[in-house]
Every structure is written in C-alpha cells, then in structure tokens.
PDB file of N, CA and C in Angstrom:
ATOM      1  N   MET A   1      67.508 170.167-120.770  1.00  0.00           N
ATOM      2  CA  MET A   1      67.217 170.710-119.676  1.00  0.00           C
ATOM      3  C   MET A   1      68.592 171.861-119.497  1.00  0.00           C
ATOM      4  N   GLN A   2      67.805 172.908-119.119  1.00  0.00           N
ATOM      5  CA  GLN A   2      69.882 173.960-119.099  1.00  0.00           C
ATOM      6  C   GLN A   2      69.146 174.211-117.192  1.00  0.00           C
ATOM      7  N   PRO A   3      70.288 173.119-116.576  1.00  0.00           N
ATOM      8  CA  PRO A   3      69.526 173.439-115.008  1.00  0.00           C
ATOM      9  C   PRO A   3      70.469 175.051-114.375  1.00  0.00           C
ATOM     10  N   GLU A   4      70.434 176.157-114.818  1.00  0.00           N
ATOM     11  CA  GLU A   4      70.614 177.384-114.327  1.00  0.00           C
ATOM     12  C   GLU A   4      69.608 177.551-113.036  1.00  0.00           C
ATOM     13  N   PRO A   5      70.201 178.361-112.383  1.00  0.00           N
ATOM     14  CA  PRO A   5      71.737 179.635-112.220  1.00  0.00           C
ATOM     15  C   PRO A   5      72.573 178.382-111.553  1.00  0.00           C
ATOM     16  N   HIS A   6      72.606 176.593-111.474  1.00  0.00           N
ATOM     17  CA  HIS A   6      73.772 176.655-110.777  1.00  0.00           C
ATOM     18  C   HIS A   6      75.308 176.445-111.530  1.00  0.00           C
ATOM     19  N   THR A   7      76.022 176.237-111.327  1.00  0.00           N
ATOM     20  CA  THR A   7      77.051 176.594-111.688  1.00  0.00           C
ATOM     21  C   THR A   7      77.940 175.496-112.240  1.00  0.00           C
ATOM     22  N   TRP A   8      78.381 175.606-113.382  1.00  0.00           N
ATOM     23  CA  TRP A   8      79.036 174.356-114.491  1.00  0.00           C
ATOM     24  C   TRP A   8      80.416 174.554-114.183  1.00  0.00           C
ATOM     25  N   ARG A   9      81.162 173.388-114.440  1.00  0.00           N
ATOM     26  CA  ARG A   9      82.754 173.419-113.975  1.00  0.00           C
ATOM     27  C   ARG A   9      82.800 172.054-114.576  1.00  0.00           C
ATOM     28  N   LYS A  10      84.346 172.627-115.162  1.00  0.00           N
ATOM     29  CA  LYS A  10      85.241 171.607-115.673  1.00  0.00           C
ATOM     30  C   LYS A  10      85.939 170.868-115.207  1.00  0.00           C
ATOM     31  N   SER A  11      86.568 169.352-115.216  1.00  0.00           N
ATOM     32  CA  SER A  11      87.801 168.740-114.805  1.00  0.00           C
ATOM     33  C   SER A  11      88.921 169.439-114.906  1.00  0.00           C
ATOM     34  N   SER A  12      89.771 169.062-113.805  1.00  0.00           N
ATOM     35  CA  SER A  12      91.044 169.946-113.706  1.00  0.00           C
ATOM     36  C   SER A  12      92.237 169.259-114.378  1.00  0.00           C
ATOM     37  N   TYR A  13      91.550 167.864-114.939  1.00  0.00           N
ATOM     38  CA  TYR A  13      92.264 167.826-116.555  1.00  0.00           C
ATOM     39  C   TYR A  13      91.389 167.855-117.817  1.00  0.00           C
ATOM     40  N   SER A  14      91.357 168.877-117.857  1.00  0.00           N
ATOM     41  CA  SER A  14      90.783 169.264-119.618  1.00  0.00           C
ATOM     42  C   SER A  14      92.083 169.392-119.829  1.00  0.00           C
ATOM     43  N   GLY A  15      93.420 169.607-119.815  1.00  0.00           N
ATOM     44  CA  GLY A  15      94.486 170.013-120.830  1.00  0.00           C
ATOM     45  C   GLY A  15      94.333 171.439-121.296  1.00  0.00           C
ATOM     46  N   VAL A  16      95.666 171.559-121.620  1.00  0.00           N
ATOM     47  CA  VAL A  16      96.289 173.266-121.521  1.00  0.00           C
ATOM     48  C   VAL A  16      94.988 174.316-122.180  1.00  0.00           C
ATOM     49  N   ASP A  17      94.788 173.855-122.552  1.00  0.00           N
ATOM     50  CA  ASP A  17      93.267 174.691-123.584  1.00  0.00           C
ATOM     51  C   ASP A  17      91.912 174.793-123.512  1.00  0.00           C
ATOM     52  N   ASN A  18      91.632 173.705-122.644  1.00  0.00           N
ATOM     53  CA  ASN A  18      90.337 173.568-122.241  1.00  0.00           C
ATOM     54  C   ASN A  18      89.035 173.457-123.159  1.00  0.00           C
ATOM     55  N   SER A  19      89.988 173.027-124.372  1.00  0.00           N
ATOM     56  CA  SER A  19      88.980 172.677-125.612  1.00  0.00           C
ATOM     57  C   SER A  19      88.096 171.558-125.810  1.00  0.00           C
ATOM     58  N   ASP A  20      88.861 170.083-124.614  1.00  0.00           N
ATOM     59  CA  ASP A  20      88.540 168.648-125.041  1.00  0.00           C
ATOM     60  C   ASP A  20      87.542 168.667-123.598  1.00  0.00           C
ATOM     61  N   CYS A  21      86.582 168.757-123.424  1.00  0.00           N
ATOM     62  CA  CYS A  21      86.143 168.716-121.955  1.00  0.00           C
ATOM     63  C   CYS A  21      84.528 168.521-121.036  1.00  0.00           C
ATOM     64  N   LEU A  22      84.123 168.196-121.222  1.00  0.00           N
ATOM     65  CA  LEU A  22      83.005 168.297-120.325  1.00  0.00           C
ATOM     66  C   LEU A  22      82.610 168.745-119.382  1.00  0.00           C
ATOM     67  N   GLU A  23      81.357 169.715-119.108  1.00  0.00           N
ATOM     68  CA  GLU A  23      81.333 170.087-117.931  1.00  0.00           C
ATOM     69  C   GLU A  23      80.365 169.916-117.559  1.00  0.00           C
ATOM     70  N   VAL A  24      80.291 169.503-115.424  1.00  0.00           N
ATOM     71  CA  VAL A  24      78.898 169.390-115.312  1.00  0.00           C
ATOM     72  C   VAL A  24      78.749 169.975-114.430  1.00  0.00           C
ATOM     73  N   ALA A  25      77.478 170.307-113.807  1.00  0.00           N
ATOM     74  CA  ALA A  25      76.319 170.788-113.224  1.00  0.00           C
ATOM     75  C   ALA A  25      76.230 170.398-111.759  1.00  0.00           C
ATOM     76  N   ASP A  26      76.555 171.143-110.788  1.00  0.00           N
ATOM     77  CA  ASP A  26      76.313 170.525-109.474  1.00  0.00           C
ATOM     78  C   ASP A  26      74.763 171.420-108.710  1.00  0.00           C
ATOM     79  N   GLY A  27      74.763 170.664-107.548  1.00  0.00           N
ATOM     80  CA  GLY A  27      73.501 171.094-107.265  1.00  0.00           C
ATOM     81  C   GLY A  27      72.312 170.907-107.704  1.00  0.00           C
ATOM     82  N   VAL A  28      72.392 170.158-108.673  1.00  0.00           N
ATOM     83  CA  VAL A  28      70.641 169.517-109.099  1.00  0.00           C
ATOM     84  C   VAL A  28      70.232 167.807-108.423  1.00  0.00           C
ATOM     85  N   PRO A  29      69.259 168.388-107.646  1.00  0.00           N
ATOM     86  CA  PRO A  29      69.148 166.676-106.433  1.00  0.00           C
ATOM     87  C   PRO A  29      69.039 165.546-107.439  1.00  0.00           C
ATOM     88  N   GLY A  30      69.273 164.586-107.533  1.00  0.00           N
ATOM     89  CA  GLY A  30      69.267 163.462-107.784  1.00  0.00           C
ATOM     90  C   GLY A  30      69.799 162.817-109.282  1.00  0.00           C
ATOM     91  N   VAL A  31      70.479 164.163-109.649  1.00  0.00           N
ATOM     92  CA  VAL A  31      71.049 163.883-111.044  1.00  0.00           C
ATOM     93  C   VAL A  31      72.191 164.575-111.485  1.00  0.00           C
ATOM     94  N   VAL A  32      72.876 164.413-112.573  1.00  0.00           N
ATOM     95  CA  VAL A  32      74.033 165.190-112.886  1.00  0.00           C
ATOM     96  C   VAL A  32      74.643 165.537-114.119  1.00  0.00           C
ATOM     97  N   PRO A  33      73.777 166.779-114.403  1.00  0.00           N
ATOM     98  CA  PRO A  33      73.569 167.283-115.501  1.00  0.00           C
ATOM     99  C   PRO A  33      75.162 167.537-116.361  1.00  0.00           C
ATOM    100  N   VAL A  34      75.337 166.907-117.864  1.00  0.00           N
ATOM    101  CA  VAL A  34      76.334 167.008-118.328  1.00  0.00           C
ATOM    102  C   VAL A  34      76.391 167.904-119.357  1.00  0.00           C
ATOM    103  N   ARG A  35      77.563 168.576-119.682  1.00  0.00           N
ATOM    104  CA  ARG A  35      77.334 169.261-121.428  1.00  0.00           C
ATOM    105  C   ARG A  35      78.775 169.109-121.879  1.00  0.00           C
ATOM    106  N   ASP A  36      78.928 169.770-123.114  1.00  0.00           N
ATOM    107  CA  ASP A  36      80.314 169.990-123.813  1.00  0.00           C
ATOM    108  C   ASP A  36      80.964 170.984-123.908  1.00  0.00           C
ATOM    109  N   SER A  37      81.626 171.579-123.301  1.00  0.00           N
ATOM    110  CA  SER A  37      82.431 172.871-122.712  1.00  0.00           C
ATOM    111  C   SER A  37      82.043 173.897-124.856  1.00  0.00           C
ATOM    112  N   LYS A  38      82.476 172.840-125.301  1.00  0.00           N
ATOM    113  CA  LYS A  38      83.070 174.269-126.990  1.00  0.00           C
ATOM    114  C   LYS A  38      81.228 174.460-127.137  1.00  0.00           C
ATOM    115  N   HIS A  39      79.953 173.668-126.935  1.00  0.00           N
ATOM    116  CA  HIS A  39      78.899 174.214-126.933  1.00  0.00           C
ATOM    117  C   HIS A  39      78.076 174.205-126.148  1.00  0.00           C
ATOM    118  N   THR A  40      77.750 175.112-125.017  1.00  0.00           N
ATOM    119  CA  THR A  40      77.478 175.489-123.783  1.00  0.00           C
ATOM    120  C   THR A  40      75.717 175.767-123.938  1.00  0.00           C
ATOM    121  N   ASP A  41      75.708 176.009-125.674  1.00  0.00           N
ATOM    122  CA  ASP A  41      74.319 176.310-125.389  1.00  0.00           C
ATOM    123  C   ASP A  41      73.852 174.911-126.250  1.00  0.00           C
ATOM    124  N   GLY A  42      73.960 173.988-126.132  1.00  0.00           N
ATOM    125  CA  GLY A  42      73.573 172.482-127.363  1.00  0.00           C
ATOM    126  C   GLY A  42      73.015 172.068-125.463  1.00  0.00           C
ATOM    127  N   PRO A  43      73.220 170.447-126.039  1.00  0.00           N
ATOM    128  CA  PRO A  43      72.187 169.674-125.229  1.00  0.00           C
ATOM    129  C   PRO A  43      73.115 169.411-124.097  1.00  0.00           C
ATOM    130  N   VAL A  44      71.926 168.720-123.338  1.00  0.00           N
ATOM    131  CA  VAL A  44      72.712 168.559-121.848  1.00  0.00           C
ATOM    132  C   VAL A  44      72.155 167.227-121.633  1.00  0.00           C
ATOM    133  N   LEU A  45      73.034 166.221-120.734  1.00  0.00           N
ATOM    134  CA  LEU A  45      72.865 164.667-120.968  1.00  0.00           C
ATOM    135  C   LEU A  45      72.643 164.789-119.094  1.00  0.00           C
ATOM    136  N   VAL A  46      71.713 164.372-118.834  1.00  0.00           N
ATOM    137  CA  VAL A  46      71.140 164.248-117.259  1.00  0.00           C
ATOM    138  C   VAL A  46      71.118 163.322-116.644  1.00  0.00           C
ATOM    139  N   ILE A  47      72.626 162.554-116.200  1.00  0.00           N
ATOM    140  CA  ILE A  47      72.882 161.427-115.611  1.00  0.00           C
ATOM    141  C   ILE A  47      72.132 161.128-114.083  1.00  0.00           C
ATOM    142  N   PRO A  48      71.438 160.033-113.915  1.00  0.00           N
ATOM    143  CA  PRO A  48      71.311 160.140-112.315  1.00  0.00           C
ATOM    144  C   PRO A  48      72.417 159.478-111.612  1.00  0.00           C
ATOM    145  N   ARG A  49      72.463 160.313-110.057  1.00  0.00           N
ATOM    146  CA  ARG A  49      73.800 160.379-109.345  1.00  0.00           C
ATOM    147  C   ARG A  49      74.674 159.482-109.344  1.00  0.00           C
ATOM    148  N   ASP A  50      73.542 158.858-109.067  1.00  0.00           N
ATOM    149  CA  ASP A  50      74.578 156.945-108.514  1.00  0.00           C
ATOM    150  C   ASP A  50      75.262 156.465-109.677  1.00  0.00           C
ATOM    151  N   ALA A  51      74.851 156.759-111.190  1.00  0.00           N
ATOM    152  CA  ALA A  51      75.356 156.031-112.480  1.00  0.00           C
ATOM    153  C   ALA A  51      76.386 156.646-112.624  1.00  0.00           C
ATOM    154  N   TRP A  52      76.017 158.672-112.549  1.00  0.00           N
ATOM    155  CA  TRP A  52      77.632 159.099-112.220  1.00  0.00           C
ATOM    156  C   TRP A  52      78.734 158.681-111.787  1.00  0.00           C
ATOM    157  N   ARG A  53      78.807 159.120-110.598  1.00  0.00           N
ATOM    158  CA  ARG A  53      79.294 158.490-109.528  1.00  0.00           C
ATOM    159  C   ARG A  53      80.167 156.695-109.763  1.00  0.00           C
ATOM    160  N   ALA A  54      79.234 156.092-110.288  1.00  0.00           N
ATOM    161  CA  ALA A  54      79.744 154.645-110.648  1.00  0.00           C
ATOM    162  C   ALA A  54      80.742 155.353-111.451  1.00  0.00           C
ATOM    163  N   PHE A  55      80.382 155.730-112.454  1.00  0.00           N
ATOM    164  CA  PHE A  55      81.447 155.716-113.786  1.00  0.00           C
ATOM    165  C   PHE A  55      82.788 156.889-113.862  1.00  0.00           C
ATOM    166  N   THR A  56      82.562 157.874-112.370  1.00  0.00           N
ATOM    167  CA  THR A  56      83.467 158.451-112.533  1.00  0.00           C
ATOM    168  C   THR A  56      85.008 157.415-111.766  1.00  0.00           C
ATOM    169  N   HIS A  57      83.932 156.880-110.748  1.00  0.00           N
ATOM    170  CA  HIS A  57      84.520 155.870-109.830  1.00  0.00           C
ATOM    171  C   HIS A  57      85.649 154.615-110.829  1.00  0.00           C
ATOM    172  N   LEU A  58      85.197 154.341-112.092  1.00  0.00           N
ATOM    173  CA  LEU A  58      85.558 153.134-112.274  1.00  0.00           C
ATOM    174  C   LEU A  58      86.588 153.979-113.391  1.00  0.00           C
ATOM    175  N   THR A  59      86.181 155.101-113.704  1.00  0.00           N
ATOM    176  CA  THR A  59      87.727 156.029-114.236  1.00  0.00           C
ATOM    177  C   THR A  59      88.389 156.530-113.496  1.00  0.00           C
ATOM    178  N   ARG A  60      88.585 156.179-112.747  1.00  0.00           N
ATOM    179  CA  ARG A  60      89.625 156.518-111.536  1.00  0.00           C
ATOM    180  C   ARG A  60      90.832 155.325-111.468  1.00  0.00           C
ATOM    181  N   ARG A  61      89.922 154.589-112.177  1.00  0.00           N
ATOM    182  CA  ARG A  61      91.402 152.618-111.616  1.00  0.00           C
ATOM    183  C   ARG A  61      91.965 152.892-112.312  1.00  0.00           C
TER     184      ARG A  61
END
C-alpha cells in the first residue's frame, strides 16, 4: 500500500543525519502507514490507528 498523495513525515527525534528513522503518513482513515525512511519505495506497514496511538503513548513514558 502506497498511500500517496499523502504526505510522509519523520519524527523530530530522527537524529542528526536522519538515517535511522521511520516515516508515517497522515490522513489515511483508520490506519497509520509506516515506512523506512531509507527505503521509501519499500514495503509499508499499515497499523490500525488505535494500536498506533497505544504504541506512541507507551513510547513517551
């Protein structure tokens, strides 16, 4: 799944050279597409929005 033309964004914590980062696409109903920023033509992991919200909540702790 390539959710184009949605905009992909990286975390503000992606580091100095932005080499070890995931990107997420906003605006896809009900899911959060996630991809490797180094392989933008590679596979996309599609995560249910509630699961993504729980994951990001836990990582902020």
